């Protein structure tokens, strides 16, 4: 089986959806179908069960996935290390950021670089829609993410920072007459709805109910921060954000109101347990030594 065929099989085994697999690999769904059929002919048995409603691995498919995954990731890591060595860099730690307050966390970046000059630190934004995709797909090594995180395949490391919460509303919204608001007021307005977020974030990032039990209604599906702010600016919804939004997304059509009775949003390091290595452990030690920083 060629390396590209292995990549197609493992991606479909993870996504269990031909369209999403094709999108991730930048090919057509027909190309995915052809590749899987060819693999099944070569092996002599189905690897996936397919109906109009679902795709799932057969027992043979699960066995092949488990056998191929360490081989494939090992090849990827070997190629990445070879490319880095050719540039004189021994290793790179890729940090995905779910929030955008990169400058607020600068002490962590600077300390890691000072302690480990032989390693490179690369910081990049994480997916808004599927926040854990980067660490699971191997696109980043460690994720800076708000808590709670309750994923069996992920390790939660030290807390970096805690932030107060603000509510983004249209600049002329009725709530702007107030200097601060309470969580109870959120039940009077629609809130953005992000696809791919875990259900338990209803008790963390966006509460599902007020303290009195009133439901906080979810509104339109959004795929990025720009969409949220656009809808908020028109008055279609209001949206909870971490406090750093006031500095990084200052817009004339948006007002940010302090929320007085909600817990701080805490950010921690998160990584896939199976991929923990010396770089991740070194960065976690830096985070433990310095954090949590004051907001």
C-alpha atoms as a PDB file:
ATOM      1  CA  UNK A   1       0.000   0.000   0.000  1.00  0.00           C
ATOM      2  CA  UNK A   2       1.441   3.378  -1.029  1.00  0.00           C
ATOM      3  CA  UNK A   3       1.888   6.178   1.501  1.00  0.00           C
ATOM      4  CA  UNK A   4      -0.912   8.277  -0.044  1.00  0.00           C
ATOM      5  CA  UNK A   5      -3.278   5.311   0.115  1.00  0.00           C
ATOM      6  CA  UNK A   6      -2.398   4.826   3.785  1.00  0.00           C
ATOM      7  CA  UNK A   7      -3.106   8.509   4.431  1.00  0.00           C
ATOM      8  CA  UNK A   8      -6.489   8.254   2.716  1.00  0.00           C
ATOM      9  CA  UNK A   9      -7.444   5.145   4.676  1.00  0.00           C
ATOM     10  CA  UNK A  10      -6.386   6.563   8.063  1.00  0.00           C
ATOM     11  CA  UNK A  11      -8.113   9.882   7.443  1.00  0.00           C
ATOM     12  CA  UNK A  12     -11.376   8.171   6.484  1.00  0.00           C
ATOM     13  CA  UNK A  13     -11.018   5.888   9.519  1.00  0.00           C
ATOM     14  CA  UNK A  14     -10.909   9.036  11.657  1.00  0.00           C
ATOM     15  CA  UNK A  15     -13.538  11.159   9.923  1.00  0.00           C
ATOM     16  CA  UNK A  16     -15.922   8.323   8.923  1.00  0.00           C
ATOM     17  CA  UNK A  17     -17.232  10.664   6.254  1.00  0.00           C
ATOM     18  CA  UNK A  18     -16.139  10.712   2.604  1.00  0.00           C
ATOM     19  CA  UNK A  19     -16.841  14.414   2.114  1.00  0.00           C
ATOM     20  CA  UNK A  20     -14.873  15.579   5.161  1.00  0.00           C
ATOM     21  CA  UNK A  21     -12.028  13.215   4.273  1.00  0.00           C
ATOM     22  CA  UNK A  22     -11.871  14.637   0.756  1.00  0.00           C
ATOM     23  CA  UNK A  23     -11.904  18.192   2.118  1.00  0.00           C
ATOM     24  CA  UNK A  24      -9.037  17.489   4.525  1.00  0.00           C
ATOM     25  CA  UNK A  25      -6.927  15.861   1.814  1.00  0.00           C
ATOM     26  CA  UNK A  26      -7.851  18.409  -0.898  1.00  0.00           C
ATOM     27  CA  UNK A  27      -9.229  15.804  -3.328  1.00  0.00           C
ATOM     28  CA  UNK A  28     -12.691  14.853  -4.574  1.00  0.00           C
ATOM     29  CA  UNK A  29     -14.940  12.380  -2.723  1.00  0.00           C
ATOM     30  CA  UNK A  30     -14.764  10.176  -5.824  1.00  0.00           C
ATOM     31  CA  UNK A  31     -10.983   9.951  -5.378  1.00  0.00           C
ATOM     32  CA  UNK A  32     -11.480   8.739  -1.809  1.00  0.00           C
ATOM     33  CA  UNK A  33     -14.036   6.156  -2.914  1.00  0.00           C
ATOM     34  CA  UNK A  34     -11.749   4.862  -5.645  1.00  0.00           C
ATOM     35  CA  UNK A  35      -8.791   4.572  -3.291  1.00  0.00           C
ATOM     36  CA  UNK A  36     -10.760   2.667  -0.642  1.00  0.00           C
ATOM     37  CA  UNK A  37     -12.252   0.278  -3.207  1.00  0.00           C
ATOM     38  CA  UNK A  38      -8.773  -0.431  -4.564  1.00  0.00           C
ATOM     39  CA  UNK A  39      -7.480  -1.167  -1.048  1.00  0.00           C
ATOM     40  CA  UNK A  40     -10.387  -3.493  -0.363  1.00  0.00           C
ATOM     41  CA  UNK A  41      -9.734  -5.358  -3.617  1.00  0.00           C
ATOM     42  CA  UNK A  42      -6.068  -5.750  -2.728  1.00  0.00           C
ATOM     43  CA  UNK A  43      -6.889  -7.046   0.760  1.00  0.00           C
ATOM     44  CA  UNK A  44      -9.845  -9.129  -0.335  1.00  0.00           C
ATOM     45  CA  UNK A  45     -12.392  -7.918   2.229  1.00  0.00           C
ATOM     46  CA  UNK A  46     -14.325  -4.730   3.137  1.00  0.00           C
ATOM     47  CA  UNK A  47     -12.598  -2.186   5.380  1.00  0.00           C
ATOM     48  CA  UNK A  48     -15.700  -0.009   5.874  1.00  0.00           C
ATOM     49  CA  UNK A  49     -19.419  -0.575   6.176  1.00  0.00           C
ATOM     50  CA  UNK A  50     -21.226   2.079   4.130  1.00  0.00           C
ATOM     51  CA  UNK A  51     -24.885   3.109   4.051  1.00  0.00           C
ATOM     52  CA  UNK A  52     -26.670   6.331   3.095  1.00  0.00           C
ATOM     53  CA  UNK A  53     -26.564   7.428   6.727  1.00  0.00           C
ATOM     54  CA  UNK A  54     -23.241   6.290   8.113  1.00  0.00           C
ATOM     55  CA  UNK A  55     -19.726   4.994   7.518  1.00  0.00           C
ATOM     56  CA  UNK A  56     -17.969   2.766  10.028  1.00  0.00           C
ATOM     57  CA  UNK A  57     -14.963   0.501  10.169  1.00  0.00           C
ATOM     58  CA  UNK A  58     -15.322  -3.259   9.888  1.00  0.00           C
ATOM     59  CA  UNK A  59     -13.375  -5.366  12.414  1.00  0.00           C
ATOM     60  CA  UNK A  60     -10.731  -5.858   9.718  1.00  0.00           C
ATOM     61  CA  UNK A  61     -10.664  -2.110   9.119  1.00  0.00           C
ATOM     62  CA  UNK A  62     -10.119  -1.436  12.817  1.00  0.00           C
ATOM     63  CA  UNK A  63      -7.265  -3.930  12.882  1.00  0.00           C
ATOM     64  CA  UNK A  64      -5.623  -2.315   9.847  1.00  0.00           C
ATOM     65  CA  UNK A  65      -6.049   1.165  11.341  1.00  0.00           C
ATOM     66  CA  UNK A  66      -4.378   0.093  14.592  1.00  0.00           C
ATOM     67  CA  UNK A  67      -1.507  -1.553  12.704  1.00  0.00           C
ATOM     68  CA  UNK A  68      -0.893   1.310  10.259  1.00  0.00           C
ATOM     69  CA  UNK A  69      -1.241   4.321  12.560  1.00  0.00           C
ATOM     70  CA  UNK A  70       2.119   4.006  14.416  1.00  0.00           C
ATOM     71  CA  UNK A  71       3.900   3.242  11.144  1.00  0.00           C
ATOM     72  CA  UNK A  72       2.406   6.263   9.390  1.00  0.00           C
ATOM     73  CA  UNK A  73       3.048   8.712  12.236  1.00  0.00           C
ATOM     74  CA  UNK A  74       6.574   7.386  12.578  1.00  0.00           C
ATOM     75  CA  UNK A  75       7.257   8.098   8.908  1.00  0.00           C
ATOM     76  CA  UNK A  76       5.831  11.601   9.228  1.00  0.00           C
ATOM     77  CA  UNK A  77       7.948  12.353  12.293  1.00  0.00           C
ATOM     78  CA  UNK A  78      11.056  10.994  10.584  1.00  0.00           C
ATOM     79  CA  UNK A  79      10.569  13.217   7.545  1.00  0.00           C
ATOM     80  CA  UNK A  80       9.897  16.259   9.712  1.00  0.00           C
ATOM     81  CA  UNK A  81      13.040  15.664  11.794  1.00  0.00           C
ATOM     82  CA  UNK A  82      15.129  15.204   8.659  1.00  0.00           C
ATOM     83  CA  UNK A  83      13.898  18.523   7.210  1.00  0.00           C
ATOM     84  CA  UNK A  84      14.634  20.317  10.477  1.00  0.00           C
ATOM     85  CA  UNK A  85      18.103  18.793  10.770  1.00  0.00           C
ATOM     86  CA  UNK A  86      18.865  20.002   7.253  1.00  0.00           C
ATOM     87  CA  UNK A  87      18.132  23.551   8.486  1.00  0.00           C
ATOM     88  CA  UNK A  88      20.177  23.146  11.656  1.00  0.00           C
ATOM     89  CA  UNK A  89      17.154  22.911  13.974  1.00  0.00           C
ATOM     90  CA  UNK A  90      16.909  19.823  16.167  1.00  0.00           C
ATOM     91  CA  UNK A  91      13.141  20.067  16.796  1.00  0.00           C
ATOM     92  CA  UNK A  92      10.103  22.374  16.636  1.00  0.00           C
ATOM     93  CA  UNK A  93       7.320  22.673  19.212  1.00  0.00           C
ATOM     94  CA  UNK A  94       4.113  23.730  17.457  1.00  0.00           C
ATOM     95  CA  UNK A  95       1.678  25.505  19.781  1.00  0.00           C
ATOM     96  CA  UNK A  96      -1.934  25.970  18.672  1.00  0.00           C
ATOM     97  CA  UNK A  97      -3.828  28.928  20.122  1.00  0.00           C
ATOM     98  CA  UNK A  98      -7.582  28.750  20.570  1.00  0.00           C
ATOM     99  CA  UNK A  99      -7.693  32.297  22.019  1.00  0.00           C
ATOM    100  CA  UNK A 100      -5.995  35.182  20.201  1.00  0.00           C
ATOM    101  CA  UNK A 101      -4.163  36.782  23.160  1.00  0.00           C
ATOM    102  CA  UNK A 102      -0.741  35.652  21.994  1.00  0.00           C
ATOM    103  CA  UNK A 103       1.031  38.706  23.428  1.00  0.00           C
ATOM    104  CA  UNK A 104      -0.494  38.134  26.880  1.00  0.00           C
ATOM    105  CA  UNK A 105       1.304  34.793  27.006  1.00  0.00           C
ATOM    106  CA  UNK A 106       4.650  36.135  25.818  1.00  0.00           C
ATOM    107  CA  UNK A 107       6.463  35.263  29.097  1.00  0.00           C
ATOM    108  CA  UNK A 108       5.890  31.576  28.324  1.00  0.00           C
ATOM    109  CA  UNK A 109       7.260  31.896  24.781  1.00  0.00           C
ATOM    110  CA  UNK A 110      10.313  33.893  25.868  1.00  0.00           C
ATOM    111  CA  UNK A 111      11.166  31.583  28.766  1.00  0.00           C
ATOM    112  CA  UNK A 112      10.904  28.454  26.643  1.00  0.00           C
ATOM    113  CA  UNK A 113      13.182  29.946  23.986  1.00  0.00           C
ATOM    114  CA  UNK A 114      15.711  31.045  26.618  1.00  0.00           C
ATOM    115  CA  UNK A 115      15.815  27.658  28.323  1.00  0.00           C
ATOM    116  CA  UNK A 116      15.879  25.651  25.105  1.00  0.00           C
ATOM    117  CA  UNK A 117      17.705  27.570  22.369  1.00  0.00           C
ATOM    118  CA  UNK A 118      18.230  24.319  20.433  1.00  0.00           C
ATOM    119  CA  UNK A 119      14.490  24.061  19.817  1.00  0.00           C
ATOM    120  CA  UNK A 120      12.225  26.232  17.708  1.00  0.00           C
ATOM    121  CA  UNK A 121       8.828  27.446  18.912  1.00  0.00           C
ATOM    122  CA  UNK A 122       6.084  27.933  16.332  1.00  0.00           C
ATOM    123  CA  UNK A 123       2.767  29.524  17.348  1.00  0.00           C
ATOM    124  CA  UNK A 124      -0.338  29.209  15.187  1.00  0.00           C
ATOM    125  CA  UNK A 125      -4.100  29.617  15.466  1.00  0.00           C
ATOM    126  CA  UNK A 126      -6.282  26.586  16.177  1.00  0.00           C
ATOM    127  CA  UNK A 127      -9.579  25.732  14.532  1.00  0.00           C
ATOM    128  CA  UNK A 128     -12.610  27.590  15.899  1.00  0.00           C
ATOM    129  CA  UNK A 129     -15.054  24.915  14.738  1.00  0.00           C
ATOM    130  CA  UNK A 130     -13.232  21.762  15.861  1.00  0.00           C
ATOM    131  CA  UNK A 131     -10.779  22.971  18.520  1.00  0.00           C
ATOM    132  CA  UNK A 132      -9.100  19.613  19.196  1.00  0.00           C
ATOM    133  CA  UNK A 133      -8.585  18.703  15.543  1.00  0.00           C
ATOM    134  CA  UNK A 134      -5.063  20.100  15.413  1.00  0.00           C
ATOM    135  CA  UNK A 135      -3.626  17.984  18.216  1.00  0.00           C
ATOM    136  CA  UNK A 136      -5.477  14.882  17.025  1.00  0.00           C
ATOM    137  CA  UNK A 137      -4.363  15.246  13.408  1.00  0.00           C
ATOM    138  CA  UNK A 138      -0.783  16.073  14.327  1.00  0.00           C
ATOM    139  CA  UNK A 139      -0.915  19.645  13.010  1.00  0.00           C
ATOM    140  CA  UNK A 140       0.105  21.025  16.426  1.00  0.00           C
ATOM    141  CA  UNK A 141       1.896  19.431  19.356  1.00  0.00           C
ATOM    142  CA  UNK A 142       0.188  21.278  22.173  1.00  0.00           C
ATOM    143  CA  UNK A 143      -2.952  23.423  22.339  1.00  0.00           C
ATOM    144  CA  UNK A 144      -3.665  26.472  24.489  1.00  0.00           C
ATOM    145  CA  UNK A 145      -7.331  25.980  25.253  1.00  0.00           C
ATOM    146  CA  UNK A 146      -9.917  27.125  27.756  1.00  0.00           C
ATOM    147  CA  UNK A 147     -11.143  24.713  30.400  1.00  0.00           C
ATOM    148  CA  UNK A 148     -12.807  22.362  31.032  1.00  0.00           C
ATOM    149  CA  UNK A 149     -11.383  19.738  28.656  1.00  0.00           C
ATOM    150  CA  UNK A 150     -12.751  16.237  29.193  1.00  0.00           C
ATOM    151  CA  UNK A 151     -11.362  14.174  26.301  1.00  0.00           C
ATOM    152  CA  UNK A 152     -10.095  10.640  27.080  1.00  0.00           C
ATOM    153  CA  UNK A 153      -7.256  10.846  24.541  1.00  0.00           C
ATOM    154  CA  UNK A 154      -5.994  14.262  25.678  1.00  0.00           C
ATOM    155  CA  UNK A 155      -3.859  15.301  28.647  1.00  0.00           C
ATOM    156  CA  UNK A 156      -4.613  18.597  30.405  1.00  0.00           C
ATOM    157  CA  UNK A 157      -1.469  20.363  31.602  1.00  0.00           C
ATOM    158  CA  UNK A 158      -0.762  23.465  33.711  1.00  0.00           C
ATOM    159  CA  UNK A 159      -3.069  26.483  33.726  1.00  0.00           C
ATOM    160  CA  UNK A 160      -1.509  29.505  31.985  1.00  0.00           C
ATOM    161  CA  UNK A 161      -3.973  32.305  32.593  1.00  0.00           C
ATOM    162  CA  UNK A 162      -7.402  33.223  33.907  1.00  0.00           C
ATOM    163  CA  UNK A 163      -9.495  35.986  32.341  1.00  0.00           C
ATOM    164  CA  UNK A 164     -12.700  37.844  33.212  1.00  0.00           C
ATOM    165  CA  UNK A 165     -15.613  37.599  30.804  1.00  0.00           C
ATOM    166  CA  UNK A 166     -17.239  40.234  28.641  1.00  0.00           C
ATOM    167  CA  UNK A 167     -20.397  40.272  26.535  1.00  0.00           C
ATOM    168  CA  UNK A 168     -20.134  41.512  22.946  1.00  0.00           C
ATOM    169  CA  UNK A 169     -23.215  43.463  21.850  1.00  0.00           C
ATOM    170  CA  UNK A 170     -24.061  45.952  19.121  1.00  0.00           C
ATOM    171  CA  UNK A 171     -22.751  49.445  19.874  1.00  0.00           C
ATOM    172  CA  UNK A 172     -26.331  50.765  20.164  1.00  0.00           C
ATOM    173  CA  UNK A 173     -27.724  47.737  22.020  1.00  0.00           C
ATOM    174  CA  UNK A 174     -30.092  48.369  24.914  1.00  0.00           C
ATOM    175  CA  UNK A 175     -27.597  46.733  27.320  1.00  0.00           C
ATOM    176  CA  UNK A 176     -25.003  49.445  26.660  1.00  0.00           C
ATOM    177  CA  UNK A 177     -26.924  51.692  29.027  1.00  0.00           C
ATOM    178  CA  UNK A 178     -25.486  49.542  31.829  1.00  0.00           C
ATOM    179  CA  UNK A 179     -21.887  49.616  33.094  1.00  0.00           C
ATOM    180  CA  UNK A 180     -21.931  45.860  33.740  1.00  0.00           C
ATOM    181  CA  UNK A 181     -24.393  43.028  33.360  1.00  0.00           C
ATOM    182  CA  UNK A 182     -25.313  39.822  35.132  1.00  0.00           C
ATOM    183  CA  UNK A 183     -25.459  36.305  33.782  1.00  0.00           C
ATOM    184  CA  UNK A 184     -29.231  36.349  34.308  1.00  0.00           C
ATOM    185  CA  UNK A 185     -29.635  38.928  31.532  1.00  0.00           C
ATOM    186  CA  UNK A 186     -28.202  36.551  28.924  1.00  0.00           C
ATOM    187  CA  UNK A 187     -31.448  34.568  28.920  1.00  0.00           C
ATOM    188  CA  UNK A 188     -33.188  37.501  27.213  1.00  0.00           C
ATOM    189  CA  UNK A 189     -31.052  37.266  24.060  1.00  0.00           C
ATOM    190  CA  UNK A 190     -29.777  34.722  21.549  1.00  0.00           C
ATOM    191  CA  UNK A 191     -26.195  33.510  21.772  1.00  0.00           C
ATOM    192  CA  UNK A 192     -23.963  32.169  18.971  1.00  0.00           C
ATOM    193  CA  UNK A 193     -23.793  28.426  18.365  1.00  0.00           C
ATOM    194  CA  UNK A 194     -20.451  26.908  17.309  1.00  0.00           C
ATOM    195  CA  UNK A 195     -20.493  23.493  15.558  1.00  0.00           C
ATOM    196  CA  UNK A 196     -18.059  20.891  16.814  1.00  0.00           C
ATOM    197  CA  UNK A 197     -17.765  22.261  20.344  1.00  0.00           C
ATOM    198  CA  UNK A 198     -18.124  19.628  23.095  1.00  0.00           C
ATOM    199  CA  UNK A 199     -21.352  19.597  25.064  1.00  0.00           C
ATOM    200  CA  UNK A 200     -19.602  20.073  28.388  1.00  0.00           C
ATOM    201  CA  UNK A 201     -18.485  23.569  27.363  1.00  0.00           C
ATOM    202  CA  UNK A 202     -22.037  24.578  28.193  1.00  0.00           C
ATOM    203  CA  UNK A 203     -20.804  24.686  31.786  1.00  0.00           C
ATOM    204  CA  UNK A 204     -17.515  26.353  30.926  1.00  0.00           C
ATOM    205  CA  UNK A 205     -17.232  28.745  28.003  1.00  0.00           C
ATOM    206  CA  UNK A 206     -20.944  29.362  27.383  1.00  0.00           C
ATOM    207  CA  UNK A 207     -23.344  28.396  30.184  1.00  0.00           C
ATOM    208  CA  UNK A 208     -26.531  26.694  29.065  1.00  0.00           C
ATOM    209  CA  UNK A 209     -28.617  28.177  31.896  1.00  0.00           C
ATOM    210  CA  UNK A 210     -28.569  31.147  34.232  1.00  0.00           C
ATOM    211  CA  UNK A 211     -28.210  30.636  37.978  1.00  0.00           C
ATOM    212  CA  UNK A 212     -31.990  30.774  38.359  1.00  0.00           C
ATOM    213  CA  UNK A 213     -32.418  28.023  35.750  1.00  0.00           C
ATOM    214  CA  UNK A 214     -33.465  30.136  32.765  1.00  0.00           C
ATOM    215  CA  UNK A 215     -32.210  28.723  29.470  1.00  0.00           C
ATOM    216  CA  UNK A 216     -29.667  30.701  27.436  1.00  0.00           C
ATOM    217  CA  UNK A 217     -30.857  30.228  23.875  1.00  0.00           C
ATOM    218  CA  UNK A 218     -28.464  29.320  21.078  1.00  0.00           C
ATOM    219  CA  UNK A 219     -28.911  31.100  17.781  1.00  0.00           C
ATOM    220  CA  UNK A 220     -27.197  30.885  14.379  1.00  0.00           C
ATOM    221  CA  UNK A 221     -24.294  28.536  13.714  1.00  0.00           C
ATOM    222  CA  UNK A 222     -20.993  30.406  13.373  1.00  0.00           C
ATOM    223  CA  UNK A 223     -17.613  29.185  12.107  1.00  0.00           C
ATOM    224  CA  UNK A 224     -15.255  31.953  13.217  1.00  0.00           C
ATOM    225  CA  UNK A 225     -14.979  35.065  15.376  1.00  0.00           C
ATOM    226  CA  UNK A 226     -15.691  37.404  12.462  1.00  0.00           C
ATOM    227  CA  UNK A 227     -19.097  35.803  11.921  1.00  0.00           C
ATOM    228  CA  UNK A 228     -19.941  36.156  15.614  1.00  0.00           C
ATOM    229  CA  UNK A 229     -19.074  39.852  15.670  1.00  0.00           C
ATOM    230  CA  UNK A 230     -20.931  40.534  12.441  1.00  0.00           C
ATOM    231  CA  UNK A 231     -24.121  39.025  13.863  1.00  0.00           C
ATOM    232  CA  UNK A 232     -23.602  40.799  17.182  1.00  0.00           C
ATOM    233  CA  UNK A 233     -23.110  44.152  15.429  1.00  0.00           C
ATOM    234  CA  UNK A 234     -26.535  43.813  13.767  1.00  0.00           C
ATOM    235  CA  UNK A 235     -28.230  43.007  17.069  1.00  0.00           C
ATOM    236  CA  UNK A 236     -29.104  39.464  16.002  1.00  0.00           C
ATOM    237  CA  UNK A 237     -27.290  37.980  18.990  1.00  0.00           C
ATOM    238  CA  UNK A 238     -25.036  38.722  21.944  1.00  0.00           C
ATOM    239  CA  UNK A 239     -21.956  36.662  22.730  1.00  0.00           C
ATOM    240  CA  UNK A 240     -19.739  35.871  25.688  1.00  0.00           C
ATOM    241  CA  UNK A 241     -16.018  36.335  25.110  1.00  0.00           C
ATOM    242  CA  UNK A 242     -12.833  36.340  27.177  1.00  0.00           C
ATOM    243  CA  UNK A 243     -11.733  39.783  28.317  1.00  0.00           C
ATOM    244  CA  UNK A 244      -8.836  40.094  25.867  1.00  0.00           C
ATOM    245  CA  UNK A 245     -11.352  40.673  23.044  1.00  0.00           C
ATOM    246  CA  UNK A 246     -11.567  44.311  24.149  1.00  0.00           C
ATOM    247  CA  UNK A 247      -7.928  44.824  23.124  1.00  0.00           C
ATOM    248  CA  UNK A 248      -7.596  42.537  20.113  1.00  0.00           C
ATOM    249  CA  UNK A 249     -11.016  43.091  18.465  1.00  0.00           C
ATOM    250  CA  UNK A 250     -11.800  46.726  19.160  1.00  0.00           C
ATOM    251  CA  UNK A 251     -14.532  47.731  16.672  1.00  0.00           C
ATOM    252  CA  UNK A 252     -16.723  50.844  16.504  1.00  0.00           C
ATOM    253  CA  UNK A 253     -19.871  48.763  15.964  1.00  0.00           C
ATOM    254  CA  UNK A 254     -19.259  46.473  18.971  1.00  0.00           C
ATOM    255  CA  UNK A 255     -19.384  47.186  22.716  1.00  0.00           C
ATOM    256  CA  UNK A 256     -17.902  44.841  25.309  1.00  0.00           C
ATOM    257  CA  UNK A 257     -19.707  44.794  28.658  1.00  0.00           C
ATOM    258  CA  UNK A 258     -18.208  43.243  31.820  1.00  0.00           C
ATOM    259  CA  UNK A 259     -20.154  40.258  33.182  1.00  0.00           C
ATOM    260  CA  UNK A 260     -20.089  40.537  36.947  1.00  0.00           C
ATOM    261  CA  UNK A 261     -21.224  37.114  38.186  1.00  0.00           C
ATOM    262  CA  UNK A 262     -19.452  34.541  36.029  1.00  0.00           C
ATOM    263  CA  UNK A 263     -16.230  32.687  36.789  1.00  0.00           C
ATOM    264  CA  UNK A 264     -12.962  33.572  35.099  1.00  0.00           C
ATOM    265  CA  UNK A 265     -12.172  31.630  31.942  1.00  0.00           C
ATOM    266  CA  UNK A 266      -9.025  29.568  32.524  1.00  0.00           C
ATOM    267  CA  UNK A 267      -6.605  28.501  29.805  1.00  0.00           C
ATOM    268  CA  UNK A 268      -4.399  25.425  30.041  1.00  0.00           C
ATOM    269  CA  UNK A 269      -2.060  23.370  27.893  1.00  0.00           C
ATOM    270  CA  UNK A 270      -3.639  20.338  26.209  1.00  0.00           C
ATOM    271  CA  UNK A 271      -1.909  17.629  24.185  1.00  0.00           C
ATOM    272  CA  UNK A 272      -2.592  14.176  22.824  1.00  0.00           C
ATOM    273  CA  UNK A 273      -1.438  11.712  25.470  1.00  0.00           C
ATOM    274  CA  UNK A 274       0.113   9.306  22.978  1.00  0.00           C
ATOM    275  CA  UNK A 275       2.348  11.987  21.445  1.00  0.00           C
ATOM    276  CA  UNK A 276       3.824  13.411  24.664  1.00  0.00           C
ATOM    277  CA  UNK A 277       7.564  14.005  24.206  1.00  0.00           C
ATOM    278  CA  UNK A 278      10.505  15.937  25.651  1.00  0.00           C
ATOM    279  CA  UNK A 279       9.455  19.237  24.019  1.00  0.00           C
ATOM    280  CA  UNK A 280       5.921  19.073  25.391  1.00  0.00           C
ATOM    281  CA  UNK A 281       7.197  18.156  28.864  1.00  0.00           C
ATOM    282  CA  UNK A 282       9.703  21.017  28.746  1.00  0.00           C
ATOM    283  CA  UNK A 283       7.021  23.528  27.791  1.00  0.00           C
ATOM    284  CA  UNK A 284       4.701  22.181  30.504  1.00  0.00           C
ATOM    285  CA  UNK A 285       7.511  22.753  33.040  1.00  0.00           C
ATOM    286  CA  UNK A 286       7.832  26.353  31.860  1.00  0.00           C
ATOM    287  CA  UNK A 287       4.066  26.813  32.237  1.00  0.00           C
ATOM    288  CA  UNK A 288       4.095  25.286  35.728  1.00  0.00           C
ATOM    289  CA  UNK A 289       7.014  27.507  36.805  1.00  0.00           C
ATOM    290  CA  UNK A 290       5.538  30.798  35.522  1.00  0.00           C
ATOM    291  CA  UNK A 291       1.783  30.378  35.645  1.00  0.00           C
ATOM    292  CA  UNK A 292      -0.917  31.098  36.089  1.00  0.00           C
ATOM    293  CA  UNK A 293      -0.320  34.678  35.052  1.00  0.00           C
ATOM    294  CA  UNK A 294      -2.470  37.476  36.422  1.00  0.00           C
ATOM    295  CA  UNK A 295      -5.058  38.759  33.894  1.00  0.00           C
END
